Amino acid sequence: MTKLLCSILTIIVISPLQATTTRLKSMGNLQIAIDDNTNKIDLFNFGNNPCGLFCNEDTSIVDLDILYGEESSKTDTITGDTTYTTFGNAIPYDLLEFIPTYSSAFFQYLPFPALPTNRLFYVKRSTSEKPDIWGNIPKKQAVGFLVTYGRLNQKFSDGKESAGGPTIALIYDMLFTSNLHLGFEGGYIYTGYNGDQEFEKATLSDINLTPAVAFVPNPSITIGAKVDYHHPSVTFGTGDNELSYSGNAVNFSLSTIGNFINYLEVGALVGYKILSAKEENDNFSLKGLDVRLKPRYSLPNFPLTIGGLMDIKKSAMLNSSENGDTIYQNEYSRILFGGGPILDMKYFLFGFEYIFSSLNEKERFIDRDSTKTFTNTFRIGGEIRPYNFLNLRGGYEFAKEKEREPGNREIVSKTIGTGFGVLLKNLVIDACYNRIEKEEVDIKKTIKDNLYIISIRYIY
């Protein structure tokens, strides 16, 4: 269990690409060159900085996202099937930043695909320049309130398991001067696990406080900085068998957004994270680095956009005893890059992407182990617009993950997406269906997912 608790800390700089919107999920998960309301190269979407909330949209909005999914899996060498149902993403991404649930004995068999979560997001933007009763002109500002919930249920031949919980967050952004933003974000995440046996229980939680600032020296450049404070805590088991740890983490992040002559957008981010935690007589420490670059270029007088993405993440974690002896050590690095074009015309949109990622993980517990994995992902999709109020969408994604060391493990994933969008005066409705088939070639295991997503946006 000590090794498993150590692994909990390794995910602090490991996170997948942000989940795409319902619209993009129905178009093969396109997410690099295409522009969408949650895929913008700006301080809020790309930099994850609360100081970008005011400029992220022009109006006040209410977003509602609902997801339901079913998964079944079967292995030729094992008798009996396993089925899952999910209502949104059971483990929020912010929690995965600190607690890799698949590393613990309780969570390693539960599927946590990169799903959108059930989400209610309310944003009120105040732009009035009318003086108040004292003659003061109010500051332009935006306030956002976010609530999410997810739950996953598993049924197998001799039992059942479940996991899930809520998230709440408050986001604030104020235009303090004409070129200075002050922002804040605070949130709480909780999820729990219940197994078939009484002792198979776990709770995971995180408190987050984020002060932020943004400087706009000119209309083409925005520079944002933030400090995330996290207090993650975990408990495993019950009674005398309960193990727990809690820690404190700080993430320093600097991001720059450039928009030049309306043709070239560039987002750049550098983040540095440190974490210190304790469990009984063990001490945990982690340091991580995250570097991201995302350019997007639109050709003048032609409806073609070309986008790119580079993401480098590294972390080093150490678990030591009170006298300084090393118990467990982990080093993790991932390099991801990709790109592709989008052709966006009046009556249709079409695009494709290629993404390559390499994962290298080294750990020392009793023996030294090293794992190297390479993943190639191809995406193609688009939408047609037969009427001003209706969009019809479709797409396909193919991914092959291959382990080079120590074995020859191979996973092939195929996703077919389809959906539609209805655009009314103050209302946007998007619906999506995804059929996912994943095969673990070496053990002849097949996994099939059916995902149904609907999103509603009210603009006021």
Protein backbone atom coordinates (compact mmCIF):
# COMPACT_ATOMS: atom_id res chain seq x y z
CA MET A 1 0.00 0.00 0.00
CA THR A 2 2.93 2.36 0.64
CA LYS A 3 3.95 2.14 -3.00
CA LEU A 4 0.38 2.83 -4.03
CA LEU A 5 0.17 5.89 -1.82
CA CYS A 6 3.44 7.13 -3.29
CA SER A 7 1.99 6.76 -6.77
CA ILE A 8 -0.85 9.05 -5.76
CA LEU A 9 1.51 12.00 -6.00
CA THR A 10 2.97 11.28 -9.43
CA ILE A 11 0.01 12.63 -11.38
CA ILE A 12 0.41 16.25 -10.30
CA VAL A 13 1.66 17.29 -13.74
CA ILE A 14 0.00 14.49 -15.69
CA SER A 15 -3.31 15.30 -17.28
CA PRO A 16 -4.87 14.56 -20.65
CA LEU A 17 -5.85 17.19 -23.14
CA GLN A 18 -8.82 19.08 -21.91
CA ALA A 19 -12.10 17.37 -22.70
CA THR A 20 -13.64 18.70 -25.88
CA THR A 21 -17.12 20.18 -26.08
CA THR A 22 -20.13 18.22 -27.27
CA ARG A 23 -19.73 19.80 -30.69
CA LEU A 24 -16.12 18.67 -31.02
CA LYS A 25 -16.77 15.20 -29.60
CA SER A 26 -19.19 14.63 -32.48
CA MET A 27 -16.49 15.60 -35.02
CA GLY A 28 -13.80 13.05 -34.15
CA ASN A 29 -12.50 15.01 -31.14
CA LEU A 30 -10.90 17.72 -33.29
CA GLN A 31 -9.35 20.20 -30.87
CA ILE A 32 -6.19 21.87 -32.23
CA ALA A 33 -6.97 24.10 -35.22
CA ILE A 34 -10.72 24.38 -34.72
CA ASP A 35 -12.13 27.31 -32.72
CA ASP A 36 -14.89 26.58 -30.20
CA ASN A 37 -16.26 28.28 -27.11
CA THR A 38 -14.17 26.07 -24.79
CA ASN A 39 -11.23 25.65 -27.16
CA LYS A 40 -10.11 29.24 -27.63
CA ILE A 41 -6.50 30.35 -27.44
CA ASP A 42 -7.09 32.81 -24.64
CA LEU A 43 -6.19 33.28 -21.01
CA PHE A 44 -9.25 31.45 -19.67
CA ASN A 45 -9.36 28.33 -21.88
CA PHE A 46 -5.69 27.84 -22.73
CA GLY A 47 -4.06 29.43 -19.67
CA ASN A 48 -6.70 28.21 -17.19
CA ASN A 49 -6.44 31.64 -15.57
CA PRO A 50 -9.53 33.21 -13.91
CA CYS A 51 -8.41 36.64 -15.17
CA GLY A 52 -9.50 35.59 -18.64
CA LEU A 53 -13.16 35.05 -17.73
CA PHE A 54 -14.38 38.57 -18.60
CA CYS A 55 -12.88 38.60 -22.11
CA ASN A 56 -13.65 34.94 -22.85
CA GLU A 57 -17.17 35.77 -24.08
CA ASP A 58 -19.12 38.92 -24.97
CA THR A 59 -22.33 37.99 -23.14
CA SER A 60 -23.57 36.36 -19.97
CA ILE A 61 -24.29 32.64 -20.32
CA VAL A 62 -25.69 29.54 -18.66
CA ASP A 63 -24.21 26.23 -19.85
CA LEU A 64 -25.66 22.80 -19.07
CA ASP A 65 -23.83 19.61 -20.13
CA ILE A 66 -25.21 16.12 -19.51
CA LEU A 67 -23.44 12.84 -20.34
CA TYR A 68 -24.53 9.22 -20.05
CA GLY A 69 -22.36 6.29 -21.07
CA GLU A 70 -22.24 2.50 -21.04
CA GLU A 71 -19.15 0.32 -21.28
CA SER A 72 -18.76 -3.43 -21.64
CA SER A 73 -15.54 -5.42 -21.73
CA LYS A 74 -14.63 -9.02 -22.36
CA THR A 75 -11.37 -10.97 -22.26
CA ASP A 76 -11.01 -14.27 -24.11
CA THR A 77 -9.07 -15.82 -21.23
CA ILE A 78 -11.51 -14.74 -18.49
CA THR A 79 -15.02 -16.03 -17.99
CA GLY A 80 -17.65 -13.35 -17.42
CA ASP A 81 -18.16 -9.84 -18.66
CA THR A 82 -17.76 -6.52 -16.89
CA THR A 83 -20.16 -3.64 -17.52
CA TYR A 84 -20.06 0.00 -16.48
CA THR A 85 -22.52 2.86 -16.57
CA THR A 86 -21.37 6.44 -16.14
CA PHE A 87 -23.29 9.63 -15.53
CA GLY A 88 -20.70 12.25 -16.35
CA ASN A 89 -17.02 11.90 -15.45
CA ALA A 90 -16.78 10.27 -12.02
CA ILE A 91 -13.32 11.69 -11.24
CA PRO A 92 -12.93 15.40 -12.12
CA TYR A 93 -9.76 16.37 -13.97
CA ASP A 94 -8.63 18.75 -11.23
CA LEU A 95 -8.62 15.85 -8.80
CA LEU A 96 -6.65 13.67 -11.21
CA GLU A 97 -3.92 16.32 -11.14
CA PHE A 98 -3.11 15.17 -7.61
CA ILE A 99 -4.59 11.72 -7.19
CA PRO A 100 -4.03 9.12 -9.95
CA THR A 101 -6.88 6.85 -8.99
CA TYR A 102 -5.70 4.07 -11.30
CA SER A 103 -2.58 3.69 -9.12
CA SER A 104 -4.49 2.52 -6.05
CA ALA A 105 -5.79 -0.95 -5.42
CA PHE A 106 -9.34 0.35 -5.24
CA PHE A 107 -9.34 2.30 -8.50
CA GLN A 108 -7.00 0.55 -10.89
CA TYR A 109 -9.76 -1.48 -12.57
CA LEU A 110 -12.26 1.35 -13.01
CA PRO A 111 -12.35 3.01 -16.44
CA PHE A 112 -11.87 6.76 -16.48
CA PRO A 113 -11.84 7.86 -20.12
CA ALA A 114 -11.37 11.51 -21.04
CA LEU A 115 -15.06 12.34 -20.74
CA PRO A 116 -16.80 15.68 -20.31
CA THR A 117 -18.49 16.02 -16.96
CA ASN A 118 -22.07 16.81 -16.08
CA ARG A 119 -21.76 20.55 -15.67
CA LEU A 120 -23.78 23.64 -14.83
CA PHE A 121 -21.77 26.80 -15.51
CA TYR A 122 -23.24 30.25 -14.89
CA VAL A 123 -21.34 33.40 -15.92
CA LYS A 124 -22.55 36.95 -15.35
CA ARG A 125 -20.60 39.74 -17.09
CA SER A 126 -21.10 43.34 -15.98
CA THR A 127 -20.16 45.93 -18.59
CA SER A 128 -22.22 48.92 -17.47
CA GLU A 129 -20.42 52.27 -17.26
CA LYS A 130 -23.37 54.07 -15.65
CA PRO A 131 -22.28 55.87 -12.44
CA ASP A 132 -23.75 54.66 -9.16
CA ILE A 133 -25.54 56.91 -6.65
CA TRP A 134 -22.17 58.21 -5.42
CA GLY A 135 -21.00 59.05 -8.92
CA ASN A 136 -18.51 56.19 -9.16
CA ILE A 137 -18.26 54.22 -12.39
CA PRO A 138 -18.41 50.48 -11.57
CA LYS A 139 -15.59 48.19 -12.58
CA LYS A 140 -16.18 45.82 -15.47
CA GLN A 141 -16.22 42.31 -14.07
CA ALA A 142 -17.32 38.71 -14.51
CA VAL A 143 -18.49 36.17 -11.95
CA GLY A 144 -18.74 32.46 -12.70
CA PHE A 145 -20.24 29.65 -10.65
CA LEU A 146 -19.56 26.03 -11.57
CA VAL A 147 -21.18 22.82 -10.31
CA THR A 148 -20.32 19.38 -11.66
CA TYR A 149 -21.30 15.84 -10.73
CA GLY A 150 -20.27 12.43 -11.98
CA ARG A 151 -20.89 8.84 -11.00
CA LEU A 152 -19.60 5.50 -12.28
CA ASN A 153 -21.16 2.10 -11.48
CA GLN A 154 -19.48 -1.22 -12.20
CA LYS A 155 -21.11 -4.65 -12.31
CA PHE A 156 -19.21 -7.91 -12.68
CA SER A 157 -19.79 -11.59 -12.08
CA ASP A 158 -19.32 -11.56 -8.29
CA GLY A 159 -19.98 -8.01 -7.14
CA LYS A 160 -20.32 -4.32 -7.88
CA GLU A 161 -18.45 -1.07 -7.29
CA SER A 162 -19.20 2.64 -7.61
CA ALA A 163 -17.31 5.93 -7.56
CA GLY A 164 -18.20 9.58 -7.95
CA GLY A 165 -18.91 12.93 -6.40
CA PRO A 166 -19.45 16.68 -6.91
CA THR A 167 -17.33 19.73 -7.65
CA ILE A 168 -18.13 23.36 -6.86
CA ALA A 169 -16.12 26.43 -7.88
CA LEU A 170 -16.40 30.22 -7.82
CA ILE A 171 -14.50 32.30 -10.42
CA TYR A 172 -14.08 36.08 -10.36
CA ASP A 173 -12.40 38.47 -12.81
CA MET A 174 -12.31 42.28 -12.48
CA LEU A 175 -10.92 44.83 -14.93
CA PHE A 176 -9.09 46.89 -12.28
CA THR A 177 -7.64 49.34 -14.81
CA SER A 178 -7.76 49.52 -18.59
CA ASN A 179 -4.86 47.07 -18.86
CA LEU A 180 -4.86 45.21 -15.53
CA HIS A 181 -7.10 42.31 -14.47
CA LEU A 182 -7.36 40.89 -10.95
CA GLY A 183 -8.92 37.46 -10.50
CA PHE A 184 -9.62 34.67 -8.05
CA GLU A 185 -10.86 31.10 -8.13
CA GLY A 186 -11.83 28.85 -5.25
CA GLY A 187 -13.19 25.33 -5.39
CA TYR A 188 -13.82 22.05 -3.63
CA ILE A 189 -13.76 18.57 -5.16
CA TYR A 190 -14.93 15.37 -3.51
CA THR A 191 -15.34 11.84 -4.74
CA GLY A 192 -15.76 8.51 -3.02
CA TYR A 193 -15.38 4.84 -3.81
CA ASN A 194 -17.51 1.96 -2.48
CA GLY A 195 -16.57 -1.61 -3.24
CA ASP A 196 -18.35 -4.89 -2.71
CA GLN A 197 -16.71 -5.46 0.67
CA GLU A 198 -17.07 -3.27 3.74
CA PHE A 199 -13.35 -2.45 3.88
CA GLU A 200 -13.23 -1.49 0.19
CA LYS A 201 -13.81 2.21 0.64
CA ALA A 202 -11.93 5.36 -0.26
CA THR A 203 -12.46 9.11 -0.23
CA LEU A 204 -10.58 11.69 -2.28
CA SER A 205 -10.89 15.46 -1.95
CA ASP A 206 -9.12 18.69 -2.83
CA ILE A 207 -9.47 22.34 -1.80
CA ASN A 208 -8.23 24.89 -4.32
CA LEU A 209 -7.52 28.62 -3.90
CA THR A 210 -6.13 30.61 -6.85
CA PRO A 211 -5.26 34.33 -6.86
CA ALA A 212 -4.37 35.60 -10.34
CA VAL A 213 -3.36 38.70 -12.26
CA ALA A 214 -3.25 39.62 -15.96
CA PHE A 215 -1.55 42.49 -17.75
CA VAL A 216 -2.56 43.72 -21.22
CA PRO A 217 0.25 45.98 -22.49
CA ASN A 218 -1.43 46.34 -25.90
CA PRO A 219 -4.42 44.82 -27.73
CA SER A 220 -2.24 42.06 -29.22
CA ILE A 221 -0.61 40.72 -26.04
CA THR A 222 -2.01 39.39 -22.75
CA ILE A 223 0.25 38.15 -19.95
CA GLY A 224 -1.24 36.21 -17.06
CA ALA A 225 0.18 34.82 -13.83
CA LYS A 226 -1.44 32.77 -11.10
CA VAL A 227 -0.63 30.79 -7.97
CA ASP A 228 -2.72 27.68 -7.33
CA TYR A 229 -2.83 26.35 -3.78
CA HIS A 230 -4.19 22.82 -3.35
CA HIS A 231 -4.85 20.74 -0.26
CA PRO A 232 -5.46 17.15 -1.45
CA SER A 233 -6.40 14.40 0.99
CA VAL A 234 -7.04 10.68 0.59
CA THR A 235 -8.25 7.85 2.82
CA PHE A 236 -8.21 4.13 2.00
CA GLY A 237 -10.03 1.42 3.93
CA THR A 238 -12.00 1.65 7.18
CA GLY A 239 -11.41 1.25 10.90
CA ASP A 240 -8.02 -0.09 11.96
CA ASN A 241 -7.12 -0.74 8.33
CA GLU A 242 -7.62 2.88 7.26
CA LEU A 243 -4.66 4.66 5.68
CA SER A 244 -4.68 8.35 4.91
CA TYR A 245 -2.46 11.12 3.66
CA SER A 246 -2.83 14.84 3.11
CA GLY A 247 -0.58 17.41 1.59
CA ASN A 248 -0.08 20.92 0.33
CA ALA A 249 0.69 21.80 -3.27
CA VAL A 250 1.54 25.05 -5.02
CA ASN A 251 1.49 25.64 -8.77
CA PHE A 252 3.12 28.73 -10.27
CA SER A 253 1.92 29.42 -13.82
CA LEU A 254 2.83 32.10 -16.36
CA SER A 255 0.96 32.28 -19.66
CA THR A 256 1.11 34.60 -22.65
CA ILE A 257 -1.52 35.01 -25.36
CA GLY A 258 -0.74 36.77 -28.63
CA ASN A 259 -3.17 37.80 -31.37
CA PHE A 260 -1.44 39.40 -34.34
CA ILE A 261 -3.26 41.16 -37.22
CA ASN A 262 -6.23 38.82 -36.68
CA TYR A 263 -4.48 35.98 -38.51
CA LEU A 264 -2.06 34.47 -35.99
CA GLU A 265 -2.94 33.36 -32.46
CA VAL A 266 -0.32 31.93 -30.12
CA GLY A 267 -0.65 30.61 -26.59
CA ALA A 268 2.40 29.82 -24.45
CA LEU A 269 2.44 28.52 -20.88
CA VAL A 270 5.07 27.56 -18.32
CA GLY A 271 4.03 25.98 -15.03
CA TYR A 272 6.03 24.74 -12.06
CA LYS A 273 4.47 22.63 -9.33
CA ILE A 274 5.67 21.46 -5.93
CA LEU A 275 3.90 19.22 -3.44
CA SER A 276 4.69 18.09 0.08
CA ALA A 277 2.61 15.47 1.89
CA LYS A 278 2.80 13.08 4.82
CA GLU A 279 1.32 9.67 5.62
CA GLU A 280 2.12 8.27 9.07
CA ASN A 281 5.95 8.10 9.16
CA ASP A 282 6.53 8.65 5.45
CA ASN A 283 7.31 11.95 3.72
CA PHE A 284 6.36 12.71 0.13
CA SER A 285 7.70 15.41 -2.17
CA LEU A 286 7.16 16.18 -5.83
CA LYS A 287 8.37 18.73 -8.36
CA GLY A 288 6.94 19.13 -11.83
CA LEU A 289 7.34 21.25 -14.95
CA ASP A 290 4.76 21.91 -17.68
CA VAL A 291 5.53 23.73 -20.94
CA ARG A 292 2.85 24.28 -23.60
CA LEU A 293 2.72 26.04 -26.95
CA LYS A 294 -0.32 26.31 -29.21
CA PRO A 295 -0.18 28.40 -32.43
CA ARG A 296 -3.10 28.85 -34.82
CA TYR A 297 -2.78 30.62 -38.18
CA SER A 298 -5.66 31.66 -40.47
CA LEU A 299 -4.83 32.36 -44.09
CA PRO A 300 -5.80 35.86 -45.27
CA ASN A 301 -8.77 35.90 -47.66
CA PHE A 302 -9.06 32.09 -47.57
CA PRO A 303 -11.14 29.92 -45.17
CA LEU A 304 -8.22 27.72 -44.05
CA THR A 305 -6.77 27.57 -40.53
CA ILE A 306 -3.68 25.58 -39.53
CA GLY A 307 -3.06 24.75 -35.88
CA GLY A 308 -0.31 23.15 -33.86
CA LEU A 309 0.25 21.94 -30.31
CA MET A 310 3.27 21.04 -28.19
CA ASP A 311 3.03 19.92 -24.57
CA ILE A 312 5.97 18.79 -22.40
CA LYS A 313 5.39 17.54 -18.87
CA LYS A 314 7.98 16.27 -16.41
CA SER A 315 7.82 15.32 -12.75
CA ALA A 316 10.01 13.72 -10.10
CA MET A 317 8.54 12.25 -6.91
CA LEU A 318 10.31 10.96 -3.81
CA ASN A 319 8.95 8.99 -0.86
CA SER A 320 11.32 8.78 2.09
CA SER A 321 11.22 7.67 5.71
CA GLU A 322 11.69 10.00 8.67
CA ASN A 323 15.42 9.22 8.77
CA GLY A 324 15.82 10.08 5.08
CA ASP A 325 15.94 6.60 3.52
CA THR A 326 14.41 6.36 0.05
CA ILE A 327 11.34 4.10 -0.04
CA TYR A 328 10.02 4.85 -3.50
CA GLN A 329 11.11 7.10 -6.36
CA ASN A 330 9.33 7.97 -9.59
CA GLU A 331 10.27 10.05 -12.63
CA TYR A 332 7.75 10.81 -15.34
CA SER A 333 8.04 12.63 -18.67
CA ARG A 334 5.63 13.05 -21.56
CA ILE A 335 6.12 14.82 -24.86
CA LEU A 336 3.10 15.51 -27.05
CA PHE A 337 2.92 17.36 -30.33
CA GLY A 338 0.53 17.52 -33.25
CA GLY A 339 -1.36 19.66 -35.67
CA GLY A 340 -3.66 19.86 -38.65
CA PRO A 341 -5.79 22.09 -40.91
CA ILE A 342 -9.41 23.20 -40.74
CA LEU A 343 -11.36 24.33 -43.82
CA ASP A 344 -14.29 26.42 -42.60
CA MET A 345 -16.72 27.68 -45.26
CA LYS A 346 -20.28 28.96 -45.15
CA TYR A 347 -22.04 25.62 -45.58
CA PHE A 348 -19.50 23.14 -44.25
CA LEU A 349 -16.42 22.62 -42.10
CA PHE A 350 -13.81 19.88 -42.55
CA GLY A 351 -10.56 19.11 -40.76
CA PHE A 352 -8.09 16.47 -39.67
CA GLU A 353 -5.34 16.18 -37.04
CA TYR A 354 -2.38 14.03 -36.14
CA ILE A 355 -1.02 13.79 -32.58
CA PHE A 356 2.06 11.92 -31.38
CA SER A 357 2.93 11.39 -27.73
CA SER A 358 5.71 9.55 -25.93
CA LEU A 359 5.60 8.55 -22.28
CA ASN A 360 8.67 7.58 -20.28
CA GLU A 361 8.29 6.50 -16.65
CA LYS A 362 11.02 5.29 -14.31
CA GLU A 363 10.41 4.05 -10.81
CA ARG A 364 12.40 2.48 -8.00
CA PHE A 365 10.64 0.49 -5.29
CA ILE A 366 12.49 -2.77 -4.71
CA ASP A 367 13.84 -3.01 -8.25
CA ARG A 368 14.25 -0.35 -10.91
CA ASP A 369 11.54 -0.40 -13.57
CA SER A 370 11.26 1.60 -16.77
CA THR A 371 8.28 1.95 -19.12
CA LYS A 372 8.24 3.60 -22.56
CA THR A 373 5.00 4.06 -24.47
CA PHE A 374 4.29 5.74 -27.83
CA THR A 375 0.84 6.77 -29.07
CA ASN A 376 -0.21 7.85 -32.57
CA THR A 377 -3.63 9.47 -32.97
CA PHE A 378 -5.45 10.41 -36.20
CA ARG A 379 -8.65 12.47 -36.24
CA ILE A 380 -10.95 13.53 -39.06
CA GLY A 381 -14.31 15.24 -38.90
CA GLY A 382 -16.56 18.07 -39.91
CA GLU A 383 -20.03 19.53 -40.08
CA ILE A 384 -22.45 20.61 -42.79
CA ARG A 385 -24.84 23.55 -42.41
CA PRO A 386 -27.91 23.04 -44.61
CA TYR A 387 -29.77 25.80 -42.76
CA ASN A 388 -28.71 28.77 -40.66
CA PHE A 389 -30.14 27.15 -37.55
CA LEU A 390 -28.98 23.54 -38.11
CA ASN A 391 -25.56 21.83 -38.16
CA LEU A 392 -25.02 18.10 -38.90
CA ARG A 393 -21.74 16.58 -37.70
CA GLY A 394 -19.62 13.46 -37.94
CA GLY A 395 -16.07 12.29 -37.32
CA TYR A 396 -13.65 9.44 -36.72
CA GLU A 397 -10.66 8.97 -34.41
CA PHE A 398 -8.04 6.20 -34.58
CA ALA A 399 -5.34 5.76 -31.92
CA LYS A 400 -2.64 3.14 -31.44
CA GLU A 401 -0.74 2.94 -28.17
CA LYS A 402 2.34 0.73 -28.16
CA GLU A 403 4.57 -0.12 -25.23
CA ARG A 404 8.23 -0.49 -26.25
CA GLU A 405 9.63 -1.28 -22.83
CA PRO A 406 9.49 -3.60 -20.95
CA GLY A 407 6.97 -5.59 -23.01
CA ASN A 408 5.14 -5.30 -26.30
CA ARG A 409 1.70 -4.20 -25.08
CA GLU A 410 -0.52 -2.66 -27.75
CA ILE A 411 -3.90 -0.92 -27.51
CA VAL A 412 -5.93 0.09 -30.56
CA SER A 413 -8.84 2.51 -30.16
CA LYS A 414 -11.47 3.50 -32.75
CA THR A 415 -14.13 6.17 -32.20
CA ILE A 416 -17.05 7.06 -34.45
CA GLY A 417 -18.83 10.30 -33.60
CA THR A 418 -22.00 11.89 -34.87
CA GLY A 419 -24.29 14.67 -33.74
CA PHE A 420 -26.15 17.86 -34.54
CA GLY A 421 -26.54 21.44 -33.37
CA VAL A 422 -29.54 23.74 -33.28
CA LEU A 423 -28.88 27.49 -33.15
CA LEU A 424 -31.72 29.75 -32.04
CA LYS A 425 -31.73 33.43 -31.04
CA ASN A 426 -30.63 33.01 -27.42
CA LEU A 427 -30.32 29.24 -27.25
CA VAL A 428 -27.83 26.70 -28.61
CA ILE A 429 -28.46 22.94 -28.36
CA ASP A 430 -25.78 20.37 -29.22
CA ALA A 431 -26.19 16.59 -29.15
CA CYS A 432 -23.57 13.90 -29.71
CA TYR A 433 -23.18 10.14 -29.86
CA ASN A 434 -19.82 8.34 -29.66
CA ARG A 435 -19.18 4.66 -30.35
CA ILE A 436 -15.77 3.65 -29.01
CA GLU A 437 -14.08 0.28 -29.49
CA LYS A 438 -10.78 -0.43 -27.78
CA GLU A 439 -8.74 -3.62 -28.08
CA GLU A 440 -5.82 -4.69 -25.89
CA VAL A 441 -4.14 -6.89 -28.46
CA ASP A 442 -1.78 -8.93 -26.27
CA ILE A 443 -4.48 -10.20 -23.88
CA LYS A 444 -7.29 -10.18 -26.49
CA LYS A 445 -9.44 -7.85 -24.41
CA THR A 446 -12.19 -5.83 -26.12
CA ILE A 447 -13.85 -2.75 -24.63
CA LYS A 448 -16.93 -1.10 -26.15
CA ASP A 449 -18.34 2.28 -25.11
CA ASN A 450 -21.54 4.08 -26.03
CA LEU A 451 -21.61 7.75 -25.01
CA TYR A 452 -24.55 10.16 -25.24
CA ILE A 453 -23.97 13.87 -24.62
CA ILE A 454 -26.25 16.88 -24.78
CA SER A 455 -25.31 20.52 -24.17
CA ILE A 456 -27.59 23.52 -23.79
CA ARG A 457 -26.34 27.12 -23.78
CA TYR A 458 -28.59 30.03 -22.88
CA ILE A 459 -27.29 33.49 -23.82
CA TYR A 460 -28.66 36.58 -22.10
